[in-house]
Amino acid sequence: MQIAPRIAVDGAVRFGKPVIEGTRVPVDLVLAQLAGGMTIEAVMEEYELAREDVLATLAYAAEHLAGEEVRATG
């Protein structure tokens, strides 16, 4: 089931974690590789993804963070 452009979930794939649609590449893996310093091009090559797939991963993460509410305590 598509949950965002180019992002899908399927209980039979990666335990239902969000993946790049049509692959078994988890969204969190792509984000972790980018955060770890890999370039978009290196991620594309390593996981056989299109640039649009990587950008969709970033857009999905940004959308989820935008809705997150953090409250300071102390």
Protein backbone atom coordinates (compact mmCIF):
# COMPACT_ATOMS: atom_id res chain seq x y z
CA MET A 1 0.00 0.00 0.00
CA GLN A 2 1.41 3.38 -0.97
CA ILE A 3 1.56 5.74 2.02
CA ALA A 4 3.35 8.61 0.27
CA PRO A 5 4.67 9.22 -3.23
CA ARG A 6 7.16 6.38 -3.96
CA ILE A 7 6.90 5.08 -0.36
CA ALA A 8 5.00 1.88 0.45
CA VAL A 9 4.32 -0.54 3.29
CA ASP A 10 3.53 -4.24 3.05
CA GLY A 11 3.36 -6.54 6.04
CA ALA A 12 5.25 -9.17 4.04
CA VAL A 13 8.15 -6.84 3.22
CA ARG A 14 10.61 -5.75 5.91
CA PHE A 15 8.08 -6.41 8.67
CA GLY A 16 5.80 -3.66 7.36
CA LYS A 17 8.39 -0.89 7.60
CA PRO A 18 8.16 1.90 4.99
CA VAL A 19 10.24 1.05 1.92
CA ILE A 20 10.94 2.60 -1.45
CA GLU A 21 8.04 1.42 -3.60
CA GLY A 22 8.93 -1.60 -5.74
CA THR A 23 12.02 -2.41 -3.64
CA ARG A 24 12.92 -3.87 -0.27
CA VAL A 25 15.01 -0.81 0.64
CA PRO A 26 13.76 0.68 3.93
CA VAL A 27 13.26 4.42 4.19
CA ASP A 28 15.19 4.54 7.47
CA LEU A 29 18.21 2.89 5.83
CA VAL A 30 18.34 5.52 3.10
CA LEU A 31 18.04 8.29 5.70
CA ALA A 32 20.77 6.73 7.84
CA GLN A 33 23.14 6.47 4.89
CA LEU A 34 22.58 10.11 3.97
CA ALA A 35 23.00 11.18 7.61
CA GLY A 36 26.21 9.16 7.73
CA GLY A 37 27.68 11.16 4.88
CA MET A 38 26.84 9.18 1.75
CA THR A 39 25.96 11.33 -1.21
CA ILE A 40 22.65 10.97 -2.98
CA GLU A 41 24.52 9.56 -5.95
CA ALA A 42 26.29 6.95 -3.79
CA VAL A 43 22.98 5.87 -2.22
CA MET A 44 21.43 5.64 -5.67
CA GLU A 45 24.25 3.43 -6.90
CA GLU A 46 24.48 1.26 -3.76
CA TYR A 47 20.75 0.45 -3.63
CA GLU A 48 19.85 0.81 -7.33
CA LEU A 49 17.48 3.71 -6.68
CA ALA A 50 16.44 6.67 -8.79
CA ARG A 51 17.11 10.21 -7.59
CA GLU A 52 13.33 10.61 -7.19
CA ASP A 53 13.33 7.66 -4.75
CA VAL A 54 15.92 9.29 -2.51
CA LEU A 55 14.17 12.66 -2.68
CA ALA A 56 10.85 10.96 -1.85
CA THR A 57 12.51 9.48 1.24
CA LEU A 58 13.63 12.94 2.36
CA ALA A 59 10.17 14.38 1.69
CA TYR A 60 8.53 11.57 3.68
CA ALA A 61 10.84 12.20 6.65
CA ALA A 62 10.30 15.96 6.48
CA GLU A 63 6.54 15.52 6.42
CA HIS A 64 6.61 13.31 9.50
CA LEU A 65 8.91 15.62 11.41
CA ALA A 66 6.76 18.64 10.55
CA GLY A 67 3.87 17.04 12.43
CA GLU A 68 5.97 16.16 15.47
CA GLU A 69 5.44 18.19 18.62
CA VAL A 70 8.27 18.49 21.13
CA ARG A 71 7.67 19.94 24.57
CA ALA A 72 10.49 21.23 26.71
CA THR A 73 10.44 20.23 30.33
CA GLY A 74 12.45 21.49 33.21
